[in-house]
């Protein structure tokens, strides 16, 4: 039983995206990953930013330069 619980825990942990190298990502790939994380793992944009230790202005600027703006009512970045 303990082994089953351990595998389930590892599966849950592996679902969390590692955003440590987000600055080097293509913005069009990044927006999809961020939106997925916002939808599945985060309560809000602020929660996402704190969880992954990301500066809000840096992320918003990178995505804005690629044509994406944050839409709070949708809880996602959209073109």
N, C-alpha and C. Protein backbone atom coordinates (compact mmCIF):
# COMPACT_ATOMS: atom_id res chain seq x y z
N UNK A 1 0.82 -1.20 0.00
CA UNK A 1 0.00 0.00 0.00
C UNK A 1 0.87 1.26 0.00
N UNK A 2 1.91 1.26 0.80
CA UNK A 2 2.80 2.41 0.87
C UNK A 2 3.45 2.69 -0.49
N UNK A 3 3.81 1.65 -1.21
CA UNK A 3 4.42 1.81 -2.53
C UNK A 3 3.45 2.46 -3.52
N UNK A 4 2.19 2.10 -3.45
CA UNK A 4 1.17 2.71 -4.31
C UNK A 4 1.03 4.20 -3.99
N UNK A 5 0.99 4.54 -2.72
CA UNK A 5 0.90 5.94 -2.33
C UNK A 5 2.13 6.72 -2.77
N UNK A 6 3.29 6.11 -2.67
CA UNK A 6 4.53 6.77 -3.10
C UNK A 6 4.48 7.06 -4.60
N UNK A 7 4.03 6.11 -5.40
CA UNK A 7 3.93 6.31 -6.84
C UNK A 7 2.93 7.40 -7.18
N UNK A 8 1.80 7.41 -6.49
CA UNK A 8 0.80 8.46 -6.71
C UNK A 8 1.37 9.83 -6.37
N UNK A 9 2.11 9.92 -5.29
CA UNK A 9 2.71 11.19 -4.89
C UNK A 9 3.72 11.65 -5.94
N UNK A 10 4.57 10.74 -6.43
CA UNK A 10 5.54 11.10 -7.45
C UNK A 10 4.86 11.57 -8.73
N UNK A 11 3.74 10.96 -9.07
CA UNK A 11 2.98 11.36 -10.24
C UNK A 11 2.46 12.78 -10.08
N UNK A 12 1.94 13.09 -8.90
CA UNK A 12 1.43 14.45 -8.64
C UNK A 12 2.56 15.47 -8.69
N UNK A 13 3.68 15.16 -8.10
CA UNK A 13 4.81 16.08 -8.07
C UNK A 13 5.33 16.32 -9.48
N UNK A 14 5.38 15.29 -10.31
CA UNK A 14 5.92 15.43 -11.66
C UNK A 14 5.01 16.27 -12.55
N UNK A 15 3.77 16.46 -12.17
CA UNK A 15 2.85 17.27 -12.96
C UNK A 15 3.13 18.76 -12.83
N UNK A 16 3.86 19.16 -11.78
CA UNK A 16 4.17 20.57 -11.58
C UNK A 16 5.29 20.97 -12.52
N UNK A 17 5.03 21.98 -13.33
CA UNK A 17 5.99 22.46 -14.31
C UNK A 17 7.13 23.18 -13.62
N UNK A 18 8.34 23.00 -14.12
CA UNK A 18 9.51 23.71 -13.61
C UNK A 18 9.70 24.96 -14.46
N UNK A 19 9.51 26.11 -13.85
CA UNK A 19 9.59 27.38 -14.56
C UNK A 19 10.91 28.12 -14.30
N UNK A 20 11.94 27.42 -13.85
CA UNK A 20 13.19 28.08 -13.51
C UNK A 20 13.87 28.72 -14.72
N UNK A 21 13.62 28.22 -15.91
CA UNK A 21 14.26 28.75 -17.12
C UNK A 21 13.26 29.41 -18.06
N UNK A 22 12.21 29.99 -17.50
CA UNK A 22 11.14 30.56 -18.31
C UNK A 22 11.62 31.71 -19.18
N UNK A 23 12.62 32.47 -18.72
CA UNK A 23 13.09 33.64 -19.51
C UNK A 23 13.63 33.22 -20.87
N UNK A 24 14.22 32.05 -20.97
CA UNK A 24 14.80 31.58 -22.22
C UNK A 24 13.82 30.86 -23.13
N UNK A 25 12.59 30.65 -22.66
CA UNK A 25 11.59 29.94 -23.46
C UNK A 25 11.01 30.83 -24.55
N UNK A 26 10.62 30.22 -25.63
CA UNK A 26 9.86 30.92 -26.66
C UNK A 26 8.54 31.39 -26.04
N UNK A 27 8.18 32.64 -26.26
CA UNK A 27 6.98 33.21 -25.63
C UNK A 27 5.71 32.48 -26.02
N UNK A 28 5.65 31.95 -27.22
CA UNK A 28 4.44 31.25 -27.67
C UNK A 28 4.30 29.89 -26.99
N UNK A 29 5.41 29.28 -26.65
CA UNK A 29 5.37 28.05 -25.86
C UNK A 29 5.09 28.39 -24.40
N UNK A 30 5.75 29.42 -23.92
CA UNK A 30 5.59 29.83 -22.53
C UNK A 30 4.15 30.16 -22.19
N UNK A 31 3.46 30.88 -23.06
CA UNK A 31 2.08 31.27 -22.76
C UNK A 31 1.19 30.04 -22.57
N UNK A 32 1.40 29.01 -23.35
CA UNK A 32 0.62 27.78 -23.19
C UNK A 32 0.92 27.10 -21.86
N UNK A 33 2.19 27.06 -21.49
CA UNK A 33 2.57 26.44 -20.22
C UNK A 33 2.04 27.24 -19.03
N UNK A 34 2.15 28.56 -19.12
CA UNK A 34 1.66 29.41 -18.03
C UNK A 34 0.14 29.26 -17.90
N UNK A 35 -0.57 29.31 -19.01
CA UNK A 35 -2.03 29.19 -18.96
C UNK A 35 -2.46 27.83 -18.42
N UNK A 36 -1.74 26.79 -18.77
CA UNK A 36 -2.05 25.46 -18.25
C UNK A 36 -1.85 25.42 -16.74
N UNK A 37 -0.75 25.99 -16.28
CA UNK A 37 -0.46 26.03 -14.85
C UNK A 37 -1.50 26.89 -14.12
N UNK A 38 -1.89 28.01 -14.71
CA UNK A 38 -2.92 28.85 -14.11
C UNK A 38 -4.24 28.10 -13.98
N UNK A 39 -4.58 27.36 -15.00
CA UNK A 39 -5.86 26.62 -15.00
C UNK A 39 -5.83 25.46 -14.02
N UNK A 40 -4.73 24.72 -13.98
CA UNK A 40 -4.71 23.46 -13.23
C UNK A 40 -4.12 23.53 -11.83
N UNK A 41 -3.23 24.49 -11.57
CA UNK A 41 -2.50 24.46 -10.31
C UNK A 41 -2.58 25.72 -9.46
N UNK A 42 -3.02 26.83 -10.04
CA UNK A 42 -2.93 28.11 -9.32
C UNK A 42 -4.29 28.72 -9.05
N UNK A 43 -4.38 29.39 -7.92
CA UNK A 43 -5.61 30.10 -7.56
C UNK A 43 -5.75 31.39 -8.35
N UNK A 44 -4.60 32.00 -8.69
CA UNK A 44 -4.60 33.31 -9.35
C UNK A 44 -3.23 33.51 -9.99
N UNK A 45 -3.10 34.62 -10.75
CA UNK A 45 -1.81 34.96 -11.32
C UNK A 45 -0.81 35.21 -10.20
N UNK A 46 -1.23 35.91 -9.17
CA UNK A 46 -0.34 36.19 -8.04
C UNK A 46 0.14 34.90 -7.39
N UNK A 47 -0.74 33.94 -7.21
CA UNK A 47 -0.38 32.64 -6.65
C UNK A 47 0.65 31.94 -7.54
N UNK A 48 0.43 31.96 -8.85
CA UNK A 48 1.37 31.36 -9.80
C UNK A 48 2.75 32.02 -9.68
N UNK A 49 2.78 33.35 -9.65
CA UNK A 49 4.04 34.08 -9.59
C UNK A 49 4.79 33.78 -8.31
N UNK A 50 4.09 33.73 -7.18
CA UNK A 50 4.73 33.43 -5.90
C UNK A 50 5.22 31.99 -5.86
N UNK A 51 4.43 31.07 -6.36
CA UNK A 51 4.80 29.65 -6.35
C UNK A 51 6.09 29.41 -7.12
N UNK A 52 6.24 30.09 -8.25
CA UNK A 52 7.38 29.85 -9.12
C UNK A 52 8.45 30.94 -9.02
N UNK A 53 8.29 31.86 -8.06
CA UNK A 53 9.25 32.94 -7.83
C UNK A 53 9.57 33.69 -9.12
N UNK A 54 8.50 34.17 -9.77
CA UNK A 54 8.62 34.90 -11.04
C UNK A 54 8.18 36.33 -10.81
N UNK A 55 8.96 37.26 -11.33
CA UNK A 55 8.62 38.67 -11.25
C UNK A 55 7.47 38.98 -12.21
N UNK A 56 6.42 39.57 -11.69
CA UNK A 56 5.22 39.84 -12.48
C UNK A 56 5.51 40.69 -13.71
N UNK A 57 6.23 41.78 -13.52
CA UNK A 57 6.50 42.69 -14.64
C UNK A 57 7.34 42.02 -15.72
N UNK A 58 8.30 41.20 -15.32
CA UNK A 58 9.14 40.49 -16.30
C UNK A 58 8.31 39.55 -17.16
N UNK A 59 7.44 38.78 -16.52
CA UNK A 59 6.59 37.83 -17.26
C UNK A 59 5.61 38.57 -18.16
N UNK A 60 4.95 39.57 -17.61
CA UNK A 60 3.97 40.32 -18.40
C UNK A 60 4.62 40.99 -19.60
N UNK A 61 5.80 41.54 -19.41
CA UNK A 61 6.50 42.20 -20.51
C UNK A 61 6.90 41.20 -21.60
N UNK A 62 7.42 40.06 -21.20
CA UNK A 62 7.82 39.04 -22.18
C UNK A 62 6.62 38.60 -23.02
N UNK A 63 5.51 38.34 -22.36
CA UNK A 63 4.32 37.87 -23.08
C UNK A 63 3.66 39.01 -23.86
N UNK A 64 3.70 40.22 -23.34
CA UNK A 64 3.14 41.37 -24.06
C UNK A 64 3.91 41.61 -25.36
N UNK A 65 5.22 41.46 -25.31
CA UNK A 65 6.05 41.63 -26.51
C UNK A 65 5.71 40.62 -27.60
N UNK A 66 5.12 39.50 -27.20
CA UNK A 66 4.71 38.48 -28.16
C UNK A 66 3.22 38.62 -28.51
N UNK A 67 2.57 39.64 -27.96
CA UNK A 67 1.17 39.90 -28.30
C UNK A 67 0.15 39.34 -27.32
N UNK A 68 0.57 38.92 -26.13
CA UNK A 68 -0.35 38.33 -25.16
C UNK A 68 -0.57 39.28 -23.99
N UNK A 69 -1.82 39.43 -23.60
CA UNK A 69 -2.19 40.24 -22.43
C UNK A 69 -2.93 39.35 -21.44
N UNK A 70 -2.74 39.64 -20.15
CA UNK A 70 -3.44 38.86 -19.12
C UNK A 70 -4.88 39.33 -19.00
N UNK A 71 -5.80 38.37 -19.05
CA UNK A 71 -7.23 38.66 -18.89
C UNK A 71 -7.68 38.04 -17.57
N UNK A 72 -7.81 38.88 -16.57
CA UNK A 72 -8.12 38.40 -15.23
C UNK A 72 -9.44 37.63 -15.18
N UNK A 73 -10.44 38.10 -15.94
CA UNK A 73 -11.75 37.42 -15.91
C UNK A 73 -11.68 36.00 -16.47
N UNK A 74 -10.69 35.74 -17.33
CA UNK A 74 -10.49 34.40 -17.90
C UNK A 74 -9.39 33.63 -17.17
N UNK A 75 -8.62 34.36 -16.36
CA UNK A 75 -7.47 33.81 -15.64
C UNK A 75 -6.48 33.17 -16.64
N UNK A 76 -6.18 33.93 -17.72
CA UNK A 76 -5.22 33.45 -18.71
C UNK A 76 -4.71 34.59 -19.58
N UNK A 77 -3.59 34.32 -20.22
CA UNK A 77 -3.04 35.26 -21.18
C UNK A 77 -3.66 34.95 -22.54
N UNK A 78 -4.05 35.99 -23.27
CA UNK A 78 -4.69 35.83 -24.58
C UNK A 78 -4.08 36.80 -25.57
N UNK A 79 -4.07 36.40 -26.82
CA UNK A 79 -3.58 37.28 -27.90
C UNK A 79 -4.65 38.28 -28.27
